[in-house]
Amino acid sequence: MSEKLALNVEEKPVTGTQSIDRACDLLIRVINSEDPVTLSELVSTTGLAKGTTSRILSALERSGLLARSAIGGFESGPVLNQYAVRGGAYTALIGSVTPAMERIADITHETVSLAVTGHTGIDNIAQVEGSYLLGSRNWVGESVPSHCSAAGKVLIAFGGASAPSTLAPRTTETITDFATLDAHIRKAREVGYAVIRNELEQGLISVAIPVLDGSNKAIAALSVSGPAERITPGDELHIAQLMRRELNQVQGLKQEGAA
């Protein structure tokens, strides 16, 4: 058999338009799915060769349009998520959580933030200022590394973000060892909240809890931040409990309204 006749579907030349069509088809299938979609599922539903599907998915992942979920499969990536934030996709989330954020800020007098997974780290999408003159700066619109963010740690712990591939230092106390980070993630999963002390900025303390969806997967993180002289290690649990109580309160009211 000649080489020409032996060519399989994978080796046949593909036009630029066909490649774009295939990529668009895979992208649409992933973002329209309620759950992460595996490579095998996409191969089965599209009829594309496994190698072709894998290469396209890898390209979409490199571009940030898709991402691998913490439990396997592909889901919308940070670029699409950031676009969704700018387009108002998180308007309902921000609106539903803001009453809790305002109440927490009133009680603690510290800055309260809401963050989601972004393209390069954790993106802060909303913030309520505390009443102290000396407080945390405005983080809205900024992206911070997940390994040195309390919000990042709980998002990783509860399936809302993947662990970073590099652990660049931001201060002398930033976690730069994967074993240590893993221990922090496991601890956050166990107790339901995460803490950073001097890991992102010297003197900055933050306590965060996950905002969970119906399947107990983190869709966002709620945090309280302030200087070390005001938030002591003994305050961390109380702050986490306060945030959970206030968040449960607004989520309960939302569910009652829907009913």
C-alpha atoms as a PDB file:
ATOM      1  CA  MET A   1       0.000   0.000   0.000  1.00  0.00           C
ATOM      2  CA  SER A   2       1.378   3.416  -0.919  1.00  0.00           C
ATOM      3  CA  GLU A   3       2.096   6.043   1.694  1.00  0.00           C
ATOM      4  CA  LYS A   4      -0.662   8.200   0.263  1.00  0.00           C
ATOM      5  CA  LEU A   5      -3.276   5.452   0.665  1.00  0.00           C
ATOM      6  CA  ALA A   6      -1.971   4.632   4.150  1.00  0.00           C
ATOM      7  CA  LEU A   7      -2.639   8.146   5.447  1.00  0.00           C
ATOM      8  CA  ASN A   8      -5.222   8.066   8.220  1.00  0.00           C
ATOM      9  CA  VAL A   9      -7.639  10.827   9.182  1.00  0.00           C
ATOM     10  CA  GLU A  10      -5.126  12.274  11.615  1.00  0.00           C
ATOM     11  CA  GLU A  11      -2.571  12.834   8.839  1.00  0.00           C
ATOM     12  CA  LYS A  12      -4.872  14.383   6.243  1.00  0.00           C
ATOM     13  CA  PRO A  13      -4.208  18.053   5.682  1.00  0.00           C
ATOM     14  CA  VAL A  14      -6.604  20.331   7.503  1.00  0.00           C
ATOM     15  CA  THR A  15      -7.412  23.836   6.336  1.00  0.00           C
ATOM     16  CA  GLY A  16      -7.162  26.810   8.649  1.00  0.00           C
ATOM     17  CA  THR A  17     -10.927  27.190   8.629  1.00  0.00           C
ATOM     18  CA  GLN A  18     -11.428  23.553   9.623  1.00  0.00           C
ATOM     19  CA  SER A  19      -8.982  23.915  12.502  1.00  0.00           C
ATOM     20  CA  ILE A  20     -10.809  26.991  13.761  1.00  0.00           C
ATOM     21  CA  ASP A  21     -14.166  25.236  13.426  1.00  0.00           C
ATOM     22  CA  ARG A  22     -12.910  22.271  15.419  1.00  0.00           C
ATOM     23  CA  ALA A  23     -11.470  24.465  18.146  1.00  0.00           C
ATOM     24  CA  CYS A  24     -14.696  26.460  18.374  1.00  0.00           C
ATOM     25  CA  ASP A  25     -16.743  23.276  18.572  1.00  0.00           C
ATOM     26  CA  LEU A  26     -14.635  21.887  21.411  1.00  0.00           C
ATOM     27  CA  LEU A  27     -14.664  25.210  23.252  1.00  0.00           C
ATOM     28  CA  ILE A  28     -18.461  25.495  23.019  1.00  0.00           C
ATOM     29  CA  ARG A  29     -18.981  21.930  24.199  1.00  0.00           C
ATOM     30  CA  VAL A  30     -16.828  22.533  27.265  1.00  0.00           C
ATOM     31  CA  ILE A  31     -18.306  25.867  28.341  1.00  0.00           C
ATOM     32  CA  ASN A  32     -21.872  24.638  27.786  1.00  0.00           C
ATOM     33  CA  SER A  33     -21.319  21.641  30.055  1.00  0.00           C
ATOM     34  CA  GLU A  34     -22.316  21.919  33.717  1.00  0.00           C
ATOM     35  CA  ASP A  35     -19.393  19.682  34.704  1.00  0.00           C
ATOM     36  CA  PRO A  36     -15.769  19.424  33.492  1.00  0.00           C
ATOM     37  CA  VAL A  37     -15.538  17.413  30.254  1.00  0.00           C
ATOM     38  CA  THR A  38     -12.858  14.775  29.792  1.00  0.00           C
ATOM     39  CA  LEU A  39     -10.744  14.204  26.706  1.00  0.00           C
ATOM     40  CA  SER A  40     -12.412  10.821  26.162  1.00  0.00           C
ATOM     41  CA  GLU A  41     -15.885  12.373  26.297  1.00  0.00           C
ATOM     42  CA  LEU A  42     -14.947  15.007  23.736  1.00  0.00           C
ATOM     43  CA  VAL A  43     -13.391  12.428  21.425  1.00  0.00           C
ATOM     44  CA  SER A  44     -16.563  10.346  21.666  1.00  0.00           C
ATOM     45  CA  THR A  45     -19.017  13.200  21.066  1.00  0.00           C
ATOM     46  CA  THR A  46     -17.097  14.963  18.279  1.00  0.00           C
ATOM     47  CA  GLY A  47     -15.715  11.962  16.403  1.00  0.00           C
ATOM     48  CA  LEU A  48     -12.331  13.652  16.179  1.00  0.00           C
ATOM     49  CA  ALA A  49      -9.153  11.633  16.569  1.00  0.00           C
ATOM     50  CA  LYS A  50      -7.746  11.598  20.084  1.00  0.00           C
ATOM     51  CA  GLY A  51      -4.461  13.212  19.003  1.00  0.00           C
ATOM     52  CA  THR A  52      -6.250  16.029  17.195  1.00  0.00           C
ATOM     53  CA  THR A  53      -8.568  16.652  20.125  1.00  0.00           C
ATOM     54  CA  SER A  54      -5.693  16.657  22.593  1.00  0.00           C
ATOM     55  CA  ARG A  55      -3.665  19.147  20.533  1.00  0.00           C
ATOM     56  CA  ILE A  56      -6.589  21.548  20.183  1.00  0.00           C
ATOM     57  CA  LEU A  57      -7.452  21.344  23.865  1.00  0.00           C
ATOM     58  CA  SER A  58      -3.809  21.974  24.779  1.00  0.00           C
ATOM     59  CA  ALA A  59      -3.763  25.068  22.568  1.00  0.00           C
ATOM     60  CA  LEU A  60      -6.982  26.356  24.160  1.00  0.00           C
ATOM     61  CA  GLU A  61      -5.524  25.676  27.592  1.00  0.00           C
ATOM     62  CA  ARG A  62      -2.274  27.520  26.788  1.00  0.00           C
ATOM     63  CA  SER A  63      -4.288  30.517  25.664  1.00  0.00           C
ATOM     64  CA  GLY A  64      -6.291  30.539  28.891  1.00  0.00           C
ATOM     65  CA  LEU A  65      -9.626  29.834  27.185  1.00  0.00           C
ATOM     66  CA  LEU A  66      -9.866  26.424  28.857  1.00  0.00           C
ATOM     67  CA  ALA A  67      -8.376  24.998  32.034  1.00  0.00           C
ATOM     68  CA  ARG A  68      -8.071  21.594  33.652  1.00  0.00           C
ATOM     69  CA  SER A  69     -10.317  21.296  36.669  1.00  0.00           C
ATOM     70  CA  ALA A  70      -9.057  20.187  40.061  1.00  0.00           C
ATOM     71  CA  ILE A  71     -10.996  16.904  39.702  1.00  0.00           C
ATOM     72  CA  GLY A  72     -10.112  16.216  36.062  1.00  0.00           C
ATOM     73  CA  GLY A  73     -11.525  17.234  32.708  1.00  0.00           C
ATOM     74  CA  PHE A  74     -11.700  20.600  31.005  1.00  0.00           C
ATOM     75  CA  GLU A  75     -13.673  23.690  32.021  1.00  0.00           C
ATOM     76  CA  SER A  76     -13.736  27.370  31.145  1.00  0.00           C
ATOM     77  CA  GLY A  77     -10.325  28.968  31.587  1.00  0.00           C
ATOM     78  CA  PRO A  78      -9.188  32.151  33.325  1.00  0.00           C
ATOM     79  CA  VAL A  79      -9.386  34.323  30.205  1.00  0.00           C
ATOM     80  CA  LEU A  80     -13.073  33.470  29.738  1.00  0.00           C
ATOM     81  CA  ASN A  81     -13.675  33.869  33.460  1.00  0.00           C
ATOM     82  CA  GLN A  82     -12.065  37.303  33.464  1.00  0.00           C
ATOM     83  CA  TYR A  83     -14.179  38.309  30.468  1.00  0.00           C
ATOM     84  CA  ALA A  84     -17.243  37.081  32.306  1.00  0.00           C
ATOM     85  CA  VAL A  85     -16.351  39.267  35.276  1.00  0.00           C
ATOM     86  CA  ARG A  86     -15.965  42.326  33.055  1.00  0.00           C
ATOM     87  CA  GLY A  87     -19.189  41.419  31.295  1.00  0.00           C
ATOM     88  CA  GLY A  88     -21.118  41.269  34.542  1.00  0.00           C
ATOM     89  CA  ALA A  89     -21.371  37.507  34.966  1.00  0.00           C
ATOM     90  CA  TYR A  90     -20.518  37.929  38.655  1.00  0.00           C
ATOM     91  CA  THR A  91     -23.011  40.736  39.213  1.00  0.00           C
ATOM     92  CA  ALA A  92     -25.528  38.389  40.840  1.00  0.00           C
ATOM     93  CA  LEU A  93     -22.844  36.815  43.030  1.00  0.00           C
ATOM     94  CA  ILE A  94     -21.528  40.186  44.172  1.00  0.00           C
ATOM     95  CA  GLY A  95     -25.051  41.425  44.814  1.00  0.00           C
ATOM     96  CA  SER A  96     -25.968  38.391  46.898  1.00  0.00           C
ATOM     97  CA  VAL A  97     -22.805  38.450  49.006  1.00  0.00           C
ATOM     98  CA  THR A  98     -22.485  42.227  49.518  1.00  0.00           C
ATOM     99  CA  PRO A  99     -24.941  42.386  52.463  1.00  0.00           C
ATOM    100  CA  ALA A 100     -22.813  39.815  54.301  1.00  0.00           C
ATOM    101  CA  MET A 101     -19.630  41.712  53.416  1.00  0.00           C
ATOM    102  CA  GLU A 102     -21.084  44.947  54.760  1.00  0.00           C
ATOM    103  CA  ARG A 103     -22.189  43.272  57.980  1.00  0.00           C
ATOM    104  CA  ILE A 104     -18.756  41.644  58.463  1.00  0.00           C
ATOM    105  CA  ALA A 105     -17.014  44.984  57.852  1.00  0.00           C
ATOM    106  CA  ASP A 106     -19.307  46.654  60.402  1.00  0.00           C
ATOM    107  CA  ILE A 107     -18.459  44.057  63.045  1.00  0.00           C
ATOM    108  CA  THR A 108     -14.729  43.641  62.430  1.00  0.00           C
ATOM    109  CA  HIS A 109     -14.034  47.184  61.171  1.00  0.00           C
ATOM    110  CA  GLU A 110     -11.636  45.530  58.700  1.00  0.00           C
ATOM    111  CA  THR A 111     -11.622  45.317  54.897  1.00  0.00           C
ATOM    112  CA  VAL A 112     -13.747  42.521  53.417  1.00  0.00           C
ATOM    113  CA  SER A 113     -13.073  41.192  49.901  1.00  0.00           C
ATOM    114  CA  LEU A 114     -14.612  38.796  47.401  1.00  0.00           C
ATOM    115  CA  ALA A 115     -12.278  36.977  44.991  1.00  0.00           C
ATOM    116  CA  VAL A 116     -12.476  34.416  42.165  1.00  0.00           C
ATOM    117  CA  THR A 117      -9.979  32.389  40.176  1.00  0.00           C
ATOM    118  CA  GLY A 118      -8.346  34.419  37.410  1.00  0.00           C
ATOM    119  CA  HIS A 119      -5.882  33.929  34.560  1.00  0.00           C
ATOM    120  CA  THR A 120      -2.700  34.609  36.500  1.00  0.00           C
ATOM    121  CA  GLY A 121      -3.875  34.035  40.057  1.00  0.00           C
ATOM    122  CA  ILE A 122      -6.761  35.158  42.216  1.00  0.00           C
ATOM    123  CA  ASP A 123      -8.809  38.140  41.015  1.00  0.00           C
ATOM    124  CA  ASN A 124     -10.500  40.442  43.515  1.00  0.00           C
ATOM    125  CA  ILE A 125     -13.924  41.441  42.219  1.00  0.00           C
ATOM    126  CA  ALA A 126     -15.538  43.286  45.154  1.00  0.00           C
ATOM    127  CA  GLN A 127     -14.503  44.952  48.400  1.00  0.00           C
ATOM    128  CA  VAL A 128     -16.142  46.667  51.377  1.00  0.00           C
ATOM    129  CA  GLU A 129     -13.907  48.996  53.345  1.00  0.00           C
ATOM    130  CA  GLY A 130     -13.567  48.775  57.121  1.00  0.00           C
ATOM    131  CA  SER A 131     -13.887  51.764  59.419  1.00  0.00           C
ATOM    132  CA  TYR A 132     -10.234  51.926  60.503  1.00  0.00           C
ATOM    133  CA  LEU A 133      -8.200  54.761  59.027  1.00  0.00           C
ATOM    134  CA  LEU A 134      -5.262  52.391  58.765  1.00  0.00           C
ATOM    135  CA  GLY A 135      -6.618  49.525  56.717  1.00  0.00           C
ATOM    136  CA  SER A 136      -6.039  47.293  53.742  1.00  0.00           C
ATOM    137  CA  ARG A 137      -5.723  48.943  50.338  1.00  0.00           C
ATOM    138  CA  ASN A 138      -8.243  48.576  47.527  1.00  0.00           C
ATOM    139  CA  TRP A 139      -7.607  45.196  45.889  1.00  0.00           C
ATOM    140  CA  VAL A 140     -10.475  45.279  43.366  1.00  0.00           C
ATOM    141  CA  GLY A 141      -9.198  44.587  39.868  1.00  0.00           C
ATOM    142  CA  GLU A 142      -5.892  43.234  41.124  1.00  0.00           C
ATOM    143  CA  SER A 143      -4.665  39.675  40.695  1.00  0.00           C
ATOM    144  CA  VAL A 144      -2.555  38.019  43.393  1.00  0.00           C
ATOM    145  CA  PRO A 145      -0.750  34.646  43.442  1.00  0.00           C
ATOM    146  CA  SER A 146      -2.885  31.861  44.881  1.00  0.00           C
ATOM    147  CA  HIS A 147      -0.141  30.357  47.045  1.00  0.00           C
ATOM    148  CA  CYS A 148       0.283  33.510  49.121  1.00  0.00           C
ATOM    149  CA  SER A 149      -3.379  34.493  49.259  1.00  0.00           C
ATOM    150  CA  ALA A 150      -5.861  33.252  51.856  1.00  0.00           C
ATOM    151  CA  ALA A 151      -8.552  33.366  49.179  1.00  0.00           C
ATOM    152  CA  GLY A 152      -6.311  31.358  46.852  1.00  0.00           C
ATOM    153  CA  LYS A 153      -5.700  28.683  49.452  1.00  0.00           C
ATOM    154  CA  VAL A 154      -9.405  28.056  50.105  1.00  0.00           C
ATOM    155  CA  LEU A 155     -10.212  28.114  46.395  1.00  0.00           C
ATOM    156  CA  ILE A 156      -7.601  25.407  45.860  1.00  0.00           C
ATOM    157  CA  ALA A 157      -8.774  23.488  48.930  1.00  0.00           C
ATOM    158  CA  PHE A 158     -12.395  23.411  47.794  1.00  0.00           C
ATOM    159  CA  GLY A 159     -11.932  22.720  44.090  1.00  0.00           C
ATOM    160  CA  GLY A 160     -12.251  26.270  42.797  1.00  0.00           C
ATOM    161  CA  ALA A 161      -8.658  26.616  41.581  1.00  0.00           C
ATOM    162  CA  SER A 162      -5.657  24.496  40.718  1.00  0.00           C
ATOM    163  CA  ALA A 163      -2.428  24.607  42.688  1.00  0.00           C
ATOM    164  CA  PRO A 164       0.191  26.840  41.000  1.00  0.00           C
ATOM    165  CA  SER A 165       3.140  25.323  39.177  1.00  0.00           C
ATOM    166  CA  THR A 166       5.585  27.824  40.677  1.00  0.00           C
ATOM    167  CA  LEU A 167       5.803  29.386  44.131  1.00  0.00           C
ATOM    168  CA  ALA A 168       7.486  32.740  43.683  1.00  0.00           C
ATOM    169  CA  PRO A 169       8.283  34.612  46.913  1.00  0.00           C
ATOM    170  CA  ARG A 170       6.546  37.901  47.676  1.00  0.00           C
ATOM    171  CA  THR A 171       8.027  38.301  51.172  1.00  0.00           C
ATOM    172  CA  THR A 172      10.484  36.396  53.333  1.00  0.00           C
ATOM    173  CA  GLU A 173       7.498  34.458  54.744  1.00  0.00           C
ATOM    174  CA  THR A 174       5.895  33.424  51.451  1.00  0.00           C
ATOM    175  CA  ILE A 175       5.468  29.671  51.110  1.00  0.00           C
ATOM    176  CA  THR A 176       7.908  28.464  48.445  1.00  0.00           C
ATOM    177  CA  ASP A 177       7.829  24.755  49.255  1.00  0.00           C
ATOM    178  CA  PHE A 178       5.127  22.562  47.673  1.00  0.00           C
ATOM    179  CA  ALA A 179       4.953  20.206  50.660  1.00  0.00           C
ATOM    180  CA  THR A 180       4.274  23.135  52.986  1.00  0.00           C
ATOM    181  CA  LEU A 181       1.661  24.568  50.648  1.00  0.00           C
ATOM    182  CA  ASP A 182      -0.035  21.185  50.430  1.00  0.00           C
ATOM    183  CA  ALA A 183      -0.171  21.044  54.229  1.00  0.00           C
ATOM    184  CA  HIS A 184      -1.819  24.474  54.302  1.00  0.00           C
ATOM    185  CA  ILE A 185      -4.361  23.385  51.676  1.00  0.00           C
ATOM    186  CA  ARG A 186      -5.203  20.219  53.610  1.00  0.00           C
ATOM    187  CA  LYS A 187      -5.559  22.249  56.801  1.00  0.00           C
ATOM    188  CA  ALA A 188      -7.871  24.731  55.066  1.00  0.00           C
ATOM    189  CA  ARG A 189     -10.021  21.858  53.797  1.00  0.00           C
ATOM    190  CA  GLU A 190     -10.164  20.408  57.304  1.00  0.00           C
ATOM    191  CA  VAL A 191     -11.080  23.556  59.236  1.00  0.00           C
ATOM    192  CA  GLY A 192     -12.997  25.374  56.485  1.00  0.00           C
ATOM    193  CA  TYR A 193     -10.857  28.490  56.250  1.00  0.00           C
ATOM    194  CA  ALA A 194      -7.337  29.650  55.350  1.00  0.00           C
ATOM    195  CA  VAL A 195      -4.977  32.263  56.726  1.00  0.00           C
ATOM    196  CA  ILE A 196      -1.964  34.181  55.473  1.00  0.00           C
ATOM    197  CA  ARG A 197       0.345  36.086  57.768  1.00  0.00           C
ATOM    198  CA  ASN A 198       2.970  38.264  56.069  1.00  0.00           C
ATOM    199  CA  GLU A 199       2.963  35.962  53.013  1.00  0.00           C
ATOM    200  CA  LEU A 200       1.630  38.423  50.433  1.00  0.00           C
ATOM    201  CA  GLU A 201       2.759  41.689  52.022  1.00  0.00           C
ATOM    202  CA  GLN A 202       4.708  42.209  55.218  1.00  0.00           C
ATOM    203  CA  GLY A 203       2.316  43.024  58.027  1.00  0.00           C
ATOM    204  CA  LEU A 204      -0.806  41.939  56.117  1.00  0.00           C
ATOM    205  CA  ILE A 205      -3.049  39.276  57.667  1.00  0.00           C
ATOM    206  CA  SER A 206      -5.997  37.734  55.854  1.00  0.00           C
ATOM    207  CA  VAL A 207      -8.569  35.084  56.760  1.00  0.00           C
ATOM    208  CA  ALA A 208     -10.706  33.553  53.990  1.00  0.00           C
ATOM    209  CA  ILE A 209     -13.592  31.109  53.643  1.00  0.00           C
ATOM    210  CA  PRO A 210     -14.955  29.541  50.453  1.00  0.00           C
ATOM    211  CA  VAL A 211     -18.238  30.572  48.854  1.00  0.00           C
ATOM    212  CA  LEU A 212     -19.661  27.207  47.805  1.00  0.00           C
ATOM    213  CA  ASP A 213     -22.137  26.188  45.134  1.00  0.00           C
ATOM    214  CA  GLY A 214     -24.718  23.422  45.474  1.00  0.00           C
ATOM    215  CA  SER A 215     -22.087  20.726  44.980  1.00  0.00           C
ATOM    216  CA  ASN A 216     -19.796  22.199  47.683  1.00  0.00           C
ATOM    217  CA  LYS A 217     -17.310  23.465  45.104  1.00  0.00           C
ATOM    218  CA  ALA A 218     -15.816  26.901  45.715  1.00  0.00           C
ATOM    219  CA  ILE A 219     -16.994  29.524  43.235  1.00  0.00           C
ATOM    220  CA  ALA A 220     -15.423  32.423  45.139  1.00  0.00           C
ATOM    221  CA  ALA A 221     -13.672  33.264  48.399  1.00  0.00           C
ATOM    222  CA  LEU A 222     -14.669  35.750  51.071  1.00  0.00           C
ATOM    223  CA  SER A 223     -11.881  37.267  53.171  1.00  0.00           C
ATOM    224  CA  VAL A 224     -11.142  39.747  55.928  1.00  0.00           C
ATOM    225  CA  SER A 225      -7.784  41.544  55.788  1.00  0.00           C
ATOM    226  CA  GLY A 226      -5.953  43.894  58.092  1.00  0.00           C
ATOM    227  CA  PRO A 227      -2.637  44.642  59.801  1.00  0.00           C
ATOM    228  CA  ALA A 228      -0.949  42.144  62.103  1.00  0.00           C
ATOM    229  CA  GLU A 229      -1.326  44.340  65.176  1.00  0.00           C
ATOM    230  CA  ARG A 230      -5.136  44.137  64.899  1.00  0.00           C
ATOM    231  CA  ILE A 231      -5.672  40.552  63.658  1.00  0.00           C
ATOM    232  CA  THR A 232      -3.918  38.170  66.021  1.00  0.00           C
ATOM    233  CA  PRO A 233      -3.719  34.370  65.691  1.00  0.00           C
ATOM    234  CA  GLY A 234      -6.440  34.135  68.338  1.00  0.00           C
ATOM    235  CA  ASP A 235      -8.797  36.173  66.149  1.00  0.00           C
ATOM    236  CA  GLU A 236      -8.589  33.951  63.067  1.00  0.00           C
ATOM    237  CA  LEU A 237     -11.139  31.311  64.064  1.00  0.00           C
ATOM    238  CA  HIS A 238     -13.622  33.919  65.304  1.00  0.00           C
ATOM    239  CA  ILE A 239     -13.353  35.871  62.052  1.00  0.00           C
ATOM    240  CA  ALA A 240     -13.855  32.702  59.997  1.00  0.00           C
ATOM    241  CA  GLN A 241     -16.901  31.752  62.071  1.00  0.00           C
ATOM    242  CA  LEU A 242     -18.317  35.260  61.702  1.00  0.00           C
ATOM    243  CA  MET A 243     -17.893  35.193  57.924  1.00  0.00           C
ATOM    244  CA  ARG A 244     -19.518  31.757  57.667  1.00  0.00           C
ATOM    245  CA  ARG A 245     -22.439  32.829  59.835  1.00  0.00           C
ATOM    246  CA  GLU A 246     -23.099  35.993  57.852  1.00  0.00           C
ATOM    247  CA  LEU A 247     -22.640  34.240  54.505  1.00  0.00           C
ATOM    248  CA  ASN A 248     -25.018  31.449  55.529  1.00  0.00           C
ATOM    249  CA  GLN A 249     -27.516  34.092  56.591  1.00  0.00           C
ATOM    250  CA  VAL A 250     -27.650  35.830  53.203  1.00  0.00           C
ATOM    251  CA  GLN A 251     -27.595  32.523  51.319  1.00  0.00           C
ATOM    252  CA  GLY A 252     -30.479  31.292  53.475  1.00  0.00           C
ATOM    253  CA  LEU A 253     -32.487  34.404  52.719  1.00  0.00           C
ATOM    254  CA  LYS A 254     -31.772  33.960  49.011  1.00  0.00           C
ATOM    255  CA  GLN A 255     -33.016  30.368  49.110  1.00  0.00           C
ATOM    256  CA  GLU A 256     -36.169  31.422  50.981  1.00  0.00           C
ATOM    257  CA  GLY A 257     -36.834  34.078  48.366  1.00  0.00           C
ATOM    258  CA  ALA A 258     -36.397  31.567  45.557  1.00  0.00           C
ATOM    259  CA  ALA A 259     -38.815  29.194  47.253  1.00  0.00           C
END
